[in-house]
Amino acid sequence: MYIDIISAKYKDGYKIELTFENGRSGIIDFAKYIEKGGVFSKLTDLEYFKRFQVNQELGILTWSDEIDVAPEVLYSECTGESLPEWMQEEGELEKTA
């Protein structure tokens, strides 16, 4: 399953509403990503956070083509659908390592 993001709209705080090519949509609170730190720490600057864009060629949400989150993960969070099997297996391997 790979479903492109076709639009993104800022809501408030660290929330963005995403719409996917199949018409499904939902709101993601990116605060949990920011809490992880690392590359996501740049998103703590709310003005930087608001400068996201959808890369239409790749169908992903990105910040300055530096930061992005796998669209499969965002789709799962927006719709409540399970992650693709190949992503679940990877997560299980990480848990056992």
N, C-alpha and C. Protein backbone atom coordinates (compact mmCIF):
# COMPACT_ATOMS: atom_id res chain seq x y z
N MET A 1 0.84 -1.18 0.00
CA MET A 1 0.00 0.00 0.00
C MET A 1 0.89 1.25 0.00
N TYR A 2 0.74 2.03 -1.01
CA TYR A 2 1.39 3.33 -1.03
C TYR A 2 0.37 4.29 -1.60
N ILE A 3 -0.11 5.19 -0.78
CA ILE A 3 -1.13 6.14 -1.21
C ILE A 3 -0.57 7.53 -1.03
N ASP A 4 -0.47 8.25 -2.14
CA ASP A 4 0.11 9.60 -2.12
C ASP A 4 -0.72 10.58 -1.31
N ILE A 5 -0.02 11.49 -0.67
CA ILE A 5 -0.66 12.65 -0.04
C ILE A 5 -0.85 13.67 -1.17
N ILE A 6 -2.06 14.21 -1.29
CA ILE A 6 -2.30 15.19 -2.35
C ILE A 6 -2.47 16.61 -1.83
N SER A 7 -2.83 16.73 -0.54
CA SER A 7 -2.92 18.08 0.03
C SER A 7 -2.72 18.04 1.53
N ALA A 8 -2.30 19.17 2.06
CA ALA A 8 -2.07 19.31 3.50
C ALA A 8 -2.48 20.72 3.91
N LYS A 9 -3.18 20.80 5.03
CA LYS A 9 -3.67 22.09 5.51
C LYS A 9 -3.33 22.23 6.99
N TYR A 10 -2.69 23.34 7.33
CA TYR A 10 -2.36 23.61 8.73
C TYR A 10 -3.64 23.82 9.52
N LYS A 11 -3.73 23.22 10.70
CA LYS A 11 -4.91 23.38 11.56
C LYS A 11 -4.58 24.31 12.74
N ASP A 12 -3.83 23.83 13.70
CA ASP A 12 -3.37 24.64 14.82
C ASP A 12 -2.30 23.86 15.56
N GLY A 13 -1.54 24.57 16.39
CA GLY A 13 -0.46 23.89 17.12
C GLY A 13 0.44 23.16 16.14
N TYR A 14 0.60 21.87 16.36
CA TYR A 14 1.41 21.04 15.47
C TYR A 14 0.54 20.04 14.70
N LYS A 15 -0.66 20.47 14.36
CA LYS A 15 -1.61 19.61 13.66
C LYS A 15 -1.76 20.02 12.19
N ILE A 16 -1.78 18.99 11.36
CA ILE A 16 -1.95 19.18 9.92
C ILE A 16 -3.02 18.19 9.44
N GLU A 17 -3.93 18.68 8.63
CA GLU A 17 -4.93 17.81 8.00
C GLU A 17 -4.38 17.35 6.65
N LEU A 18 -4.35 16.05 6.46
CA LEU A 18 -3.84 15.47 5.22
C LEU A 18 -4.97 14.84 4.43
N THR A 19 -4.89 14.99 3.11
CA THR A 19 -5.82 14.32 2.20
C THR A 19 -5.00 13.45 1.27
N PHE A 20 -5.47 12.23 1.07
CA PHE A 20 -4.77 11.25 0.26
C PHE A 20 -5.47 11.07 -1.08
N GLU A 21 -4.74 10.49 -2.03
CA GLU A 21 -5.26 10.37 -3.39
C GLU A 21 -6.53 9.54 -3.49
N ASN A 22 -6.82 8.70 -2.51
CA ASN A 22 -8.05 7.91 -2.54
C ASN A 22 -9.23 8.64 -1.88
N GLY A 23 -9.02 9.91 -1.50
CA GLY A 23 -10.09 10.71 -0.92
C GLY A 23 -10.17 10.67 0.59
N ARG A 24 -9.47 9.76 1.23
CA ARG A 24 -9.47 9.68 2.69
C ARG A 24 -8.65 10.82 3.26
N SER A 25 -9.00 11.26 4.46
CA SER A 25 -8.26 12.35 5.10
C SER A 25 -8.31 12.18 6.60
N GLY A 26 -7.47 12.96 7.27
CA GLY A 26 -7.43 12.94 8.73
C GLY A 26 -6.42 13.96 9.22
N ILE A 27 -6.43 14.17 10.52
CA ILE A 27 -5.54 15.15 11.15
C ILE A 27 -4.47 14.42 11.94
N ILE A 28 -3.24 14.85 11.73
CA ILE A 28 -2.09 14.29 12.46
C ILE A 28 -1.56 15.36 13.40
N ASP A 29 -1.32 14.97 14.65
CA ASP A 29 -0.64 15.85 15.60
C ASP A 29 0.83 15.45 15.61
N PHE A 30 1.67 16.32 15.06
CA PHE A 30 3.09 16.03 14.93
C PHE A 30 3.87 16.25 16.23
N ALA A 31 3.20 16.62 17.31
CA ALA A 31 3.89 16.84 18.59
C ALA A 31 4.66 15.59 19.01
N LYS A 32 4.11 14.41 18.74
CA LYS A 32 4.78 13.17 19.13
C LYS A 32 6.08 12.96 18.36
N TYR A 33 6.14 13.43 17.13
CA TYR A 33 7.38 13.34 16.36
C TYR A 33 8.42 14.31 16.91
N ILE A 34 7.96 15.49 17.25
CA ILE A 34 8.86 16.51 17.79
C ILE A 34 9.48 16.03 19.11
N GLU A 35 8.68 15.34 19.93
CA GLU A 35 9.18 14.81 21.20
C GLU A 35 10.31 13.80 21.00
N LYS A 36 10.34 13.14 19.84
CA LYS A 36 11.39 12.15 19.56
C LYS A 36 12.75 12.82 19.36
N GLY A 37 12.73 14.12 19.04
CA GLY A 37 13.99 14.84 18.84
C GLY A 37 14.65 14.49 17.53
N GLY A 38 15.97 14.52 17.53
CA GLY A 38 16.71 14.24 16.31
C GLY A 38 16.35 15.22 15.21
N VAL A 39 16.18 14.71 14.01
CA VAL A 39 15.85 15.57 12.88
C VAL A 39 14.53 16.32 13.10
N PHE A 40 13.61 15.73 13.87
CA PHE A 40 12.32 16.37 14.12
C PHE A 40 12.41 17.56 15.05
N SER A 41 13.54 17.75 15.73
CA SER A 41 13.67 18.88 16.66
C SER A 41 13.56 20.22 15.93
N LYS A 42 13.87 20.25 14.63
CA LYS A 42 13.71 21.49 13.86
C LYS A 42 12.25 21.95 13.83
N LEU A 43 11.33 21.00 13.98
CA LEU A 43 9.91 21.33 13.90
C LEU A 43 9.39 22.04 15.14
N THR A 44 10.20 22.14 16.20
CA THR A 44 9.74 22.86 17.40
C THR A 44 9.51 24.33 17.10
N ASP A 45 10.21 24.88 16.11
CA ASP A 45 9.99 26.25 15.67
C ASP A 45 8.69 26.26 14.87
N LEU A 46 7.63 26.79 15.45
CA LEU A 46 6.30 26.72 14.85
C LEU A 46 6.27 27.38 13.47
N GLU A 47 7.01 28.45 13.28
CA GLU A 47 7.02 29.10 11.97
C GLU A 47 7.66 28.18 10.93
N TYR A 48 8.72 27.46 11.31
CA TYR A 48 9.33 26.47 10.40
C TYR A 48 8.33 25.35 10.15
N PHE A 49 7.67 24.87 11.20
CA PHE A 49 6.69 23.79 11.07
C PHE A 49 5.62 24.15 10.05
N LYS A 50 5.15 25.38 10.08
CA LYS A 50 4.06 25.81 9.19
C LYS A 50 4.50 25.89 7.72
N ARG A 51 5.79 25.80 7.46
CA ARG A 51 6.27 25.89 6.08
C ARG A 51 6.38 24.53 5.39
N PHE A 52 5.57 23.57 5.83
CA PHE A 52 5.55 22.26 5.18
C PHE A 52 5.00 22.40 3.76
N GLN A 53 5.25 21.39 2.99
CA GLN A 53 4.69 21.35 1.64
C GLN A 53 4.49 19.90 1.24
N VAL A 54 3.65 19.69 0.24
CA VAL A 54 3.46 18.36 -0.32
C VAL A 54 4.31 18.30 -1.58
N ASN A 55 5.22 17.34 -1.60
CA ASN A 55 6.01 17.09 -2.80
C ASN A 55 5.10 16.30 -3.73
N GLN A 56 4.55 16.97 -4.74
CA GLN A 56 3.57 16.33 -5.62
C GLN A 56 4.16 15.17 -6.41
N GLU A 57 5.42 15.25 -6.73
CA GLU A 57 6.07 14.19 -7.50
C GLU A 57 6.16 12.90 -6.68
N LEU A 58 6.48 13.04 -5.40
CA LEU A 58 6.66 11.88 -4.53
C LEU A 58 5.43 11.55 -3.69
N GLY A 59 4.50 12.50 -3.57
CA GLY A 59 3.30 12.28 -2.76
C GLY A 59 3.58 12.24 -1.28
N ILE A 60 4.57 13.04 -0.83
CA ILE A 60 4.93 13.05 0.58
C ILE A 60 4.83 14.45 1.16
N LEU A 61 4.67 14.52 2.47
CA LEU A 61 4.70 15.77 3.21
C LEU A 61 6.14 16.01 3.62
N THR A 62 6.63 17.22 3.38
CA THR A 62 8.04 17.48 3.66
C THR A 62 8.24 18.90 4.17
N TRP A 63 9.34 19.08 4.84
CA TRP A 63 9.78 20.40 5.29
C TRP A 63 11.13 20.65 4.64
N SER A 64 11.20 21.60 3.75
CA SER A 64 12.43 21.99 3.05
C SER A 64 13.14 20.80 2.41
N ASP A 65 12.40 19.79 2.02
CA ASP A 65 12.97 18.57 1.45
C ASP A 65 14.05 17.95 2.34
N GLU A 66 14.00 18.26 3.65
CA GLU A 66 14.94 17.71 4.62
C GLU A 66 14.27 16.71 5.55
N ILE A 67 13.03 16.98 5.91
CA ILE A 67 12.32 16.18 6.90
C ILE A 67 11.03 15.68 6.26
N ASP A 68 10.77 14.39 6.42
CA ASP A 68 9.49 13.84 6.00
C ASP A 68 9.19 12.60 6.83
N VAL A 69 7.94 12.19 6.80
CA VAL A 69 7.50 10.98 7.49
C VAL A 69 6.91 10.08 6.43
N ALA A 70 7.20 8.79 6.50
CA ALA A 70 6.69 7.86 5.50
C ALA A 70 5.18 8.04 5.33
N PRO A 71 4.72 8.20 4.09
CA PRO A 71 3.29 8.41 3.87
C PRO A 71 2.44 7.24 4.34
N GLU A 72 3.02 6.03 4.36
CA GLU A 72 2.27 4.87 4.86
C GLU A 72 1.95 5.04 6.33
N VAL A 73 2.89 5.59 7.09
CA VAL A 73 2.69 5.83 8.52
C VAL A 73 1.61 6.89 8.72
N LEU A 74 1.69 7.96 7.96
CA LEU A 74 0.70 9.04 8.08
C LEU A 74 -0.68 8.56 7.67
N TYR A 75 -0.77 7.76 6.62
CA TYR A 75 -2.06 7.21 6.19
C TYR A 75 -2.65 6.34 7.29
N SER A 76 -1.83 5.49 7.88
CA SER A 76 -2.30 4.62 8.95
C SER A 76 -2.81 5.44 10.13
N GLU A 77 -2.09 6.48 10.49
CA GLU A 77 -2.51 7.32 11.61
C GLU A 77 -3.80 8.08 11.30
N CYS A 78 -3.94 8.53 10.06
CA CYS A 78 -5.14 9.30 9.68
C CYS A 78 -6.39 8.43 9.58
N THR A 79 -6.22 7.21 9.09
CA THR A 79 -7.38 6.38 8.79
C THR A 79 -7.64 5.27 9.80
N GLY A 80 -6.64 4.96 10.61
CA GLY A 80 -6.78 3.85 11.54
C GLY A 80 -6.51 2.50 10.90
N GLU A 81 -6.15 2.50 9.61
CA GLU A 81 -5.82 1.25 8.94
C GLU A 81 -4.44 0.78 9.38
N SER A 82 -4.23 -0.51 9.29
CA SER A 82 -2.93 -1.08 9.67
C SER A 82 -1.85 -0.64 8.71
N LEU A 83 -0.63 -0.62 9.23
CA LEU A 83 0.52 -0.37 8.38
C LEU A 83 0.66 -1.53 7.39
N PRO A 84 1.30 -1.28 6.25
CA PRO A 84 1.54 -2.39 5.33
C PRO A 84 2.32 -3.50 6.03
N GLU A 85 2.11 -4.71 5.59
CA GLU A 85 2.74 -5.86 6.22
C GLU A 85 4.26 -5.72 6.29
N TRP A 86 4.88 -5.22 5.22
CA TRP A 86 6.34 -5.11 5.21
C TRP A 86 6.84 -4.14 6.27
N MET A 87 6.04 -3.15 6.63
CA MET A 87 6.45 -2.21 7.68
C MET A 87 6.23 -2.83 9.06
N GLN A 88 5.19 -3.63 9.22
CA GLN A 88 4.93 -4.29 10.49
C GLN A 88 6.03 -5.29 10.79
N GLU A 89 6.45 -6.04 9.77
CA GLU A 89 7.50 -7.02 9.98
C GLU A 89 8.79 -6.35 10.40
N GLU A 90 9.10 -5.21 9.80
CA GLU A 90 10.31 -4.46 10.16
C GLU A 90 10.25 -4.03 11.62
N GLY A 91 9.09 -3.55 12.06
CA GLY A 91 8.91 -3.14 13.45
C GLY A 91 9.08 -4.30 14.41
N GLU A 92 8.57 -5.47 14.01
CA GLU A 92 8.71 -6.64 14.87
C GLU A 92 10.17 -7.05 14.99
N LEU A 93 10.92 -6.95 13.90
CA LEU A 93 12.34 -7.29 13.96
C LEU A 93 13.08 -6.36 14.89
N GLU A 94 12.73 -5.08 14.87
CA GLU A 94 13.39 -4.12 15.74
C GLU A 94 13.11 -4.42 17.20
N LYS A 95 11.91 -4.88 17.51
CA LYS A 95 11.53 -5.19 18.89
C LYS A 95 12.33 -6.37 19.44
N THR A 96 12.66 -7.32 18.56
CA THR A 96 13.36 -8.51 19.02
C THR A 96 14.86 -8.35 19.01
N ALA A 97 15.36 -7.31 18.37
CA ALA A 97 16.81 -7.10 18.28
C ALA A 97 17.38 -6.59 19.57
